[in-house]
Amino acid sequence: MKMKIVIKVPLHKEKDKSKAMKIAVAEEGVISVSIGKDNDQLEVVGVGVDSVCLAKSLRKKFCFADILSIAEEKPEKKSPEKDPLPLCMFPPPPFQPLYERHYYDPGNPSCYIM
């Protein structure tokens, strides 16, 4: 099951953002990492991601990290659509027979069909 984990991390510079994202991506099961609405939130989506280990590795390798929320990522519901139009409105072209090409190789007279 996909989980969405939001972690509060101070991300003031671009270098800090890239470093925090690299640490998060290195964890097992992470599918995607993005910066949240505020510049100090890291959103991690993954399957079987241990949020505590992720926070510990961010604290150890980067700086302060606090888990804000953990939620199950639900797939988007598709609205029922009407029957789509057929892809091909015109009939296919008539069948054209395939012809063999004959070549003569002066170095090898036994091979003439290619």
N, C-alpha and C. Protein backbone atom coordinates (compact mmCIF):
# COMPACT_ATOMS: atom_id res chain seq x y z
N MET A 1 0.85 -1.17 0.00
CA MET A 1 0.00 0.00 0.00
C MET A 1 0.90 1.24 0.00
N LYS A 2 0.52 2.19 -0.81
CA LYS A 2 1.30 3.43 -0.92
C LYS A 2 1.03 4.32 0.28
N MET A 3 2.11 4.87 0.79
CA MET A 3 2.01 5.79 1.92
C MET A 3 2.61 7.14 1.54
N LYS A 4 2.00 8.20 2.04
CA LYS A 4 2.52 9.55 1.84
C LYS A 4 2.97 10.07 3.20
N ILE A 5 4.25 10.38 3.29
CA ILE A 5 4.84 10.85 4.55
C ILE A 5 5.29 12.29 4.35
N VAL A 6 4.85 13.17 5.25
CA VAL A 6 5.25 14.58 5.20
C VAL A 6 6.17 14.83 6.39
N ILE A 7 7.38 15.30 6.08
CA ILE A 7 8.40 15.55 7.11
C ILE A 7 8.80 17.01 7.06
N LYS A 8 8.85 17.64 8.24
CA LYS A 8 9.26 19.04 8.32
C LYS A 8 10.79 19.09 8.46
N VAL A 9 11.42 19.74 7.48
CA VAL A 9 12.88 19.88 7.43
C VAL A 9 13.18 21.31 7.01
N PRO A 10 14.12 22.00 7.67
CA PRO A 10 14.44 23.36 7.24
C PRO A 10 15.17 23.36 5.89
N LEU A 11 14.47 23.83 4.86
CA LEU A 11 15.03 23.85 3.51
C LEU A 11 15.10 25.30 3.04
N HIS A 12 16.16 25.99 3.38
CA HIS A 12 16.28 27.40 3.04
C HIS A 12 17.00 27.62 1.71
N LYS A 13 17.96 26.75 1.40
CA LYS A 13 18.75 26.91 0.18
C LYS A 13 18.47 25.76 -0.77
N GLU A 14 18.82 25.94 -2.03
CA GLU A 14 18.66 24.90 -3.03
C GLU A 14 19.54 23.69 -2.70
N LYS A 15 20.72 23.96 -2.15
CA LYS A 15 21.63 22.89 -1.78
C LYS A 15 21.01 22.02 -0.68
N ASP A 16 20.33 22.65 0.28
CA ASP A 16 19.66 21.91 1.34
C ASP A 16 18.54 21.04 0.77
N LYS A 17 17.79 21.58 -0.18
CA LYS A 17 16.69 20.82 -0.78
C LYS A 17 17.21 19.58 -1.50
N SER A 18 18.27 19.75 -2.30
CA SER A 18 18.79 18.62 -3.05
C SER A 18 19.40 17.57 -2.12
N LYS A 19 20.06 18.00 -1.06
CA LYS A 19 20.66 17.07 -0.11
C LYS A 19 19.59 16.26 0.61
N ALA A 20 18.53 16.92 1.05
CA ALA A 20 17.44 16.22 1.75
C ALA A 20 16.74 15.25 0.81
N MET A 21 16.55 15.65 -0.44
CA MET A 21 15.89 14.76 -1.40
C MET A 21 16.76 13.54 -1.70
N LYS A 22 18.08 13.72 -1.80
CA LYS A 22 18.98 12.58 -2.05
C LYS A 22 18.93 11.59 -0.90
N ILE A 23 18.87 12.09 0.33
CA ILE A 23 18.81 11.21 1.50
C ILE A 23 17.50 10.44 1.50
N ALA A 24 16.40 11.11 1.16
CA ALA A 24 15.09 10.45 1.16
C ALA A 24 14.98 9.41 0.06
N VAL A 25 15.54 9.68 -1.10
CA VAL A 25 15.45 8.75 -2.21
C VAL A 25 16.27 7.49 -1.94
N ALA A 26 17.30 7.60 -1.13
CA ALA A 26 18.15 6.46 -0.83
C ALA A 26 17.45 5.40 0.04
N GLU A 27 16.37 5.76 0.69
CA GLU A 27 15.65 4.81 1.54
C GLU A 27 14.94 3.76 0.68
N GLU A 28 14.77 2.58 1.24
CA GLU A 28 14.15 1.48 0.53
C GLU A 28 12.64 1.68 0.40
N GLY A 29 12.11 1.51 -0.80
CA GLY A 29 10.67 1.59 -1.04
C GLY A 29 10.17 2.95 -1.47
N VAL A 30 11.03 3.95 -1.54
CA VAL A 30 10.60 5.30 -1.91
C VAL A 30 10.35 5.36 -3.41
N ILE A 31 9.18 5.88 -3.78
CA ILE A 31 8.81 6.03 -5.19
C ILE A 31 9.08 7.45 -5.67
N SER A 32 8.64 8.44 -4.89
CA SER A 32 8.86 9.83 -5.30
C SER A 32 9.05 10.71 -4.08
N VAL A 33 9.78 11.81 -4.30
CA VAL A 33 10.05 12.79 -3.26
C VAL A 33 9.80 14.17 -3.86
N SER A 34 9.13 15.03 -3.11
CA SER A 34 8.88 16.39 -3.60
C SER A 34 8.89 17.36 -2.42
N ILE A 35 9.02 18.65 -2.76
CA ILE A 35 8.97 19.71 -1.76
C ILE A 35 7.51 20.09 -1.59
N GLY A 36 7.06 20.22 -0.35
CA GLY A 36 5.66 20.51 -0.06
C GLY A 36 5.27 21.94 -0.36
N LYS A 37 4.06 22.30 0.06
CA LYS A 37 3.53 23.65 -0.17
C LYS A 37 4.43 24.71 0.45
N ASP A 38 4.78 24.47 1.71
CA ASP A 38 5.76 25.35 2.35
C ASP A 38 7.14 24.86 1.95
N ASN A 39 8.11 25.73 1.98
CA ASN A 39 9.46 25.32 1.59
C ASN A 39 10.13 24.43 2.62
N ASP A 40 9.51 24.23 3.76
CA ASP A 40 10.14 23.41 4.79
C ASP A 40 9.47 22.05 4.98
N GLN A 41 8.78 21.56 3.95
CA GLN A 41 8.14 20.26 4.02
C GLN A 41 8.65 19.36 2.91
N LEU A 42 8.96 18.13 3.26
CA LEU A 42 9.41 17.13 2.31
C LEU A 42 8.33 16.06 2.23
N GLU A 43 7.77 15.83 1.04
CA GLU A 43 6.72 14.84 0.85
C GLU A 43 7.32 13.61 0.19
N VAL A 44 7.20 12.47 0.87
CA VAL A 44 7.77 11.22 0.38
C VAL A 44 6.63 10.24 0.14
N VAL A 45 6.59 9.65 -1.06
CA VAL A 45 5.58 8.64 -1.40
C VAL A 45 6.32 7.34 -1.68
N GLY A 46 5.83 6.26 -1.08
CA GLY A 46 6.49 4.98 -1.29
C GLY A 46 5.69 3.82 -0.75
N VAL A 47 6.18 2.62 -1.05
CA VAL A 47 5.54 1.39 -0.59
C VAL A 47 6.46 0.75 0.45
N GLY A 48 5.96 0.56 1.65
CA GLY A 48 6.74 -0.07 2.71
C GLY A 48 7.87 0.78 3.23
N VAL A 49 7.73 2.09 3.19
CA VAL A 49 8.77 2.99 3.69
C VAL A 49 8.62 3.11 5.21
N ASP A 50 9.73 2.93 5.91
CA ASP A 50 9.73 3.09 7.37
C ASP A 50 9.95 4.57 7.67
N SER A 51 8.91 5.23 8.14
CA SER A 51 8.99 6.68 8.36
C SER A 51 9.96 7.04 9.48
N VAL A 52 10.07 6.19 10.50
CA VAL A 52 10.97 6.47 11.60
C VAL A 52 12.42 6.40 11.14
N CYS A 53 12.75 5.36 10.35
CA CYS A 53 14.12 5.24 9.81
C CYS A 53 14.44 6.40 8.88
N LEU A 54 13.46 6.83 8.11
CA LEU A 54 13.65 7.96 7.20
C LEU A 54 13.95 9.23 8.00
N ALA A 55 13.19 9.47 9.06
CA ALA A 55 13.42 10.66 9.90
C ALA A 55 14.77 10.58 10.60
N LYS A 56 15.14 9.38 11.07
CA LYS A 56 16.44 9.22 11.74
C LYS A 56 17.60 9.49 10.78
N SER A 57 17.48 8.99 9.55
CA SER A 57 18.57 9.21 8.59
C SER A 57 18.66 10.68 8.19
N LEU A 58 17.51 11.38 8.11
CA LEU A 58 17.54 12.82 7.83
C LEU A 58 18.17 13.59 8.99
N ARG A 59 17.87 13.17 10.22
CA ARG A 59 18.47 13.84 11.38
C ARG A 59 19.98 13.59 11.45
N LYS A 60 20.37 12.36 11.13
CA LYS A 60 21.78 12.00 11.24
C LYS A 60 22.62 12.64 10.13
N LYS A 61 22.14 12.60 8.90
CA LYS A 61 22.93 13.06 7.76
C LYS A 61 22.69 14.52 7.39
N PHE A 62 21.55 15.06 7.81
CA PHE A 62 21.21 16.43 7.38
C PHE A 62 21.08 17.35 8.58
N CYS A 63 19.94 17.40 9.20
CA CYS A 63 19.71 18.24 10.38
C CYS A 63 18.37 17.86 10.99
N PHE A 64 17.72 18.78 11.63
CA PHE A 64 16.44 18.56 12.30
C PHE A 64 15.40 18.03 11.31
N ALA A 65 14.64 17.02 11.72
CA ALA A 65 13.55 16.47 10.92
C ALA A 65 12.43 16.02 11.85
N ASP A 66 11.21 16.42 11.53
CA ASP A 66 10.05 16.10 12.35
C ASP A 66 8.95 15.55 11.45
N ILE A 67 8.37 14.42 11.81
CA ILE A 67 7.30 13.81 11.02
C ILE A 67 6.01 14.57 11.30
N LEU A 68 5.40 15.12 10.24
CA LEU A 68 4.15 15.85 10.39
C LEU A 68 2.94 14.95 10.19
N SER A 69 2.94 14.15 9.13
CA SER A 69 1.79 13.28 8.88
C SER A 69 2.21 12.06 8.07
N ILE A 70 1.42 10.99 8.29
CA ILE A 70 1.57 9.75 7.52
C ILE A 70 0.16 9.37 7.09
N ALA A 71 -0.04 9.24 5.78
CA ALA A 71 -1.37 8.93 5.27
C ALA A 71 -1.26 7.93 4.13
N GLU A 72 -2.33 7.18 3.93
CA GLU A 72 -2.38 6.23 2.83
C GLU A 72 -2.70 6.98 1.54
N GLU A 73 -1.93 6.74 0.52
CA GLU A 73 -2.13 7.38 -0.78
C GLU A 73 -3.22 6.61 -1.51
N LYS A 74 -4.32 7.27 -1.81
CA LYS A 74 -5.44 6.61 -2.49
C LYS A 74 -5.36 6.88 -3.98
N PRO A 75 -5.63 5.86 -4.80
CA PRO A 75 -5.61 6.10 -6.25
C PRO A 75 -6.78 7.00 -6.66
N GLU A 76 -6.54 7.76 -7.68
CA GLU A 76 -7.58 8.67 -8.16
C GLU A 76 -8.70 7.87 -8.82
N LYS A 77 -9.92 8.29 -8.54
CA LYS A 77 -11.06 7.62 -9.15
C LYS A 77 -11.29 8.19 -10.54
N LYS A 78 -11.46 7.29 -11.47
CA LYS A 78 -11.73 7.72 -12.84
C LYS A 78 -13.23 7.80 -13.03
N SER A 79 -13.66 8.86 -13.65
CA SER A 79 -15.09 9.01 -13.92
C SER A 79 -15.47 8.11 -15.09
N PRO A 80 -16.65 7.52 -15.03
CA PRO A 80 -17.05 6.65 -16.14
C PRO A 80 -17.24 7.50 -17.40
N GLU A 81 -16.63 7.06 -18.46
CA GLU A 81 -16.71 7.81 -19.71
C GLU A 81 -17.68 7.12 -20.66
N LYS A 82 -18.14 7.88 -21.62
CA LYS A 82 -19.00 7.32 -22.64
C LYS A 82 -18.16 6.46 -23.57
N ASP A 83 -18.81 5.69 -24.40
CA ASP A 83 -18.08 4.85 -25.35
C ASP A 83 -17.22 5.73 -26.25
N PRO A 84 -15.93 5.46 -26.31
CA PRO A 84 -15.06 6.27 -27.16
C PRO A 84 -15.31 5.96 -28.64
N LEU A 85 -15.00 6.93 -29.46
CA LEU A 85 -15.14 6.73 -30.89
C LEU A 85 -14.12 5.70 -31.36
N PRO A 86 -14.45 4.96 -32.41
CA PRO A 86 -13.46 4.00 -32.91
C PRO A 86 -12.22 4.73 -33.40
N LEU A 87 -11.08 4.08 -33.26
CA LEU A 87 -9.81 4.70 -33.63
C LEU A 87 -9.68 4.88 -35.14
N CYS A 88 -10.20 3.95 -35.90
CA CYS A 88 -10.05 4.00 -37.35
C CYS A 88 -11.43 4.18 -37.97
N MET A 89 -11.65 5.28 -38.64
CA MET A 89 -12.94 5.55 -39.26
C MET A 89 -12.97 5.08 -40.71
N PHE A 90 -11.81 4.83 -41.29
CA PHE A 90 -11.74 4.44 -42.68
C PHE A 90 -11.28 2.99 -42.78
N PRO A 91 -11.69 2.29 -43.85
CA PRO A 91 -11.24 0.90 -43.99
C PRO A 91 -9.75 0.85 -44.28
N PRO A 92 -9.10 -0.25 -43.93
CA PRO A 92 -7.67 -0.35 -44.20
C PRO A 92 -7.40 -0.44 -45.71
N PRO A 93 -6.19 -0.11 -46.14
CA PRO A 93 -5.89 -0.18 -47.57
C PRO A 93 -5.93 -1.62 -48.05
N PRO A 94 -6.15 -1.82 -49.35
CA PRO A 94 -6.21 -3.20 -49.86
C PRO A 94 -4.87 -3.91 -49.70
N PHE A 95 -4.93 -5.22 -49.68
CA PHE A 95 -3.73 -6.03 -49.49
C PHE A 95 -2.81 -5.89 -50.68
N GLN A 96 -1.53 -5.70 -50.42
CA GLN A 96 -0.53 -5.61 -51.48
C GLN A 96 0.41 -6.79 -51.32
N PRO A 97 0.57 -7.61 -52.34
CA PRO A 97 1.44 -8.77 -52.22
C PRO A 97 2.90 -8.36 -52.07
N LEU A 98 3.65 -9.19 -51.38
CA LEU A 98 5.07 -8.95 -51.19
C LEU A 98 5.85 -9.64 -52.30
N TYR A 99 6.84 -8.98 -52.81
CA TYR A 99 7.68 -9.54 -53.86
C TYR A 99 9.08 -9.75 -53.32
N GLU A 100 9.74 -10.80 -53.81
CA GLU A 100 11.12 -11.04 -53.44
C GLU A 100 12.03 -10.21 -54.32
N ARG A 101 13.10 -9.77 -53.75
CA ARG A 101 14.10 -9.03 -54.52
C ARG A 101 15.24 -9.98 -54.84
N HIS A 102 15.65 -10.00 -56.07
CA HIS A 102 16.73 -10.87 -56.49
C HIS A 102 17.96 -10.02 -56.78
N TYR A 103 19.05 -10.42 -56.20
CA TYR A 103 20.32 -9.74 -56.41
C TYR A 103 21.35 -10.77 -56.86
N TYR A 104 22.24 -10.34 -57.67
CA TYR A 104 23.32 -11.21 -58.13
C TYR A 104 24.61 -10.72 -57.50
N ASP A 105 25.27 -11.62 -56.79
CA ASP A 105 26.54 -11.32 -56.17
C ASP A 105 27.62 -12.05 -56.96
N PRO A 106 28.50 -11.31 -57.66
CA PRO A 106 29.50 -11.98 -58.48
C PRO A 106 30.48 -12.81 -57.65
N GLY A 107 30.70 -12.46 -56.36
CA GLY A 107 31.64 -13.21 -55.53
C GLY A 107 31.04 -14.53 -55.06
N ASN A 108 29.74 -14.61 -54.92
CA ASN A 108 29.05 -15.81 -54.44
C ASN A 108 27.88 -16.09 -55.36
N PRO A 109 28.05 -16.86 -56.40
CA PRO A 109 26.96 -17.07 -57.36
C PRO A 109 25.83 -17.93 -56.82
N SER A 110 26.03 -18.64 -55.70
CA SER A 110 24.96 -19.49 -55.18
C SER A 110 23.92 -18.70 -54.40
N CYS A 111 24.26 -17.50 -53.95
CA CYS A 111 23.35 -16.68 -53.14
C CYS A 111 22.80 -15.55 -54.01
N TYR A 112 21.53 -15.64 -54.37
CA TYR A 112 20.96 -14.59 -55.19
C TYR A 112 19.65 -14.06 -54.64
N ILE A 113 19.08 -14.67 -53.59
CA ILE A 113 17.84 -14.15 -53.01
C ILE A 113 18.17 -13.52 -51.67
N MET A 114 17.68 -12.34 -51.47
CA MET A 114 17.97 -11.65 -50.24
C MET A 114 16.71 -11.22 -49.57
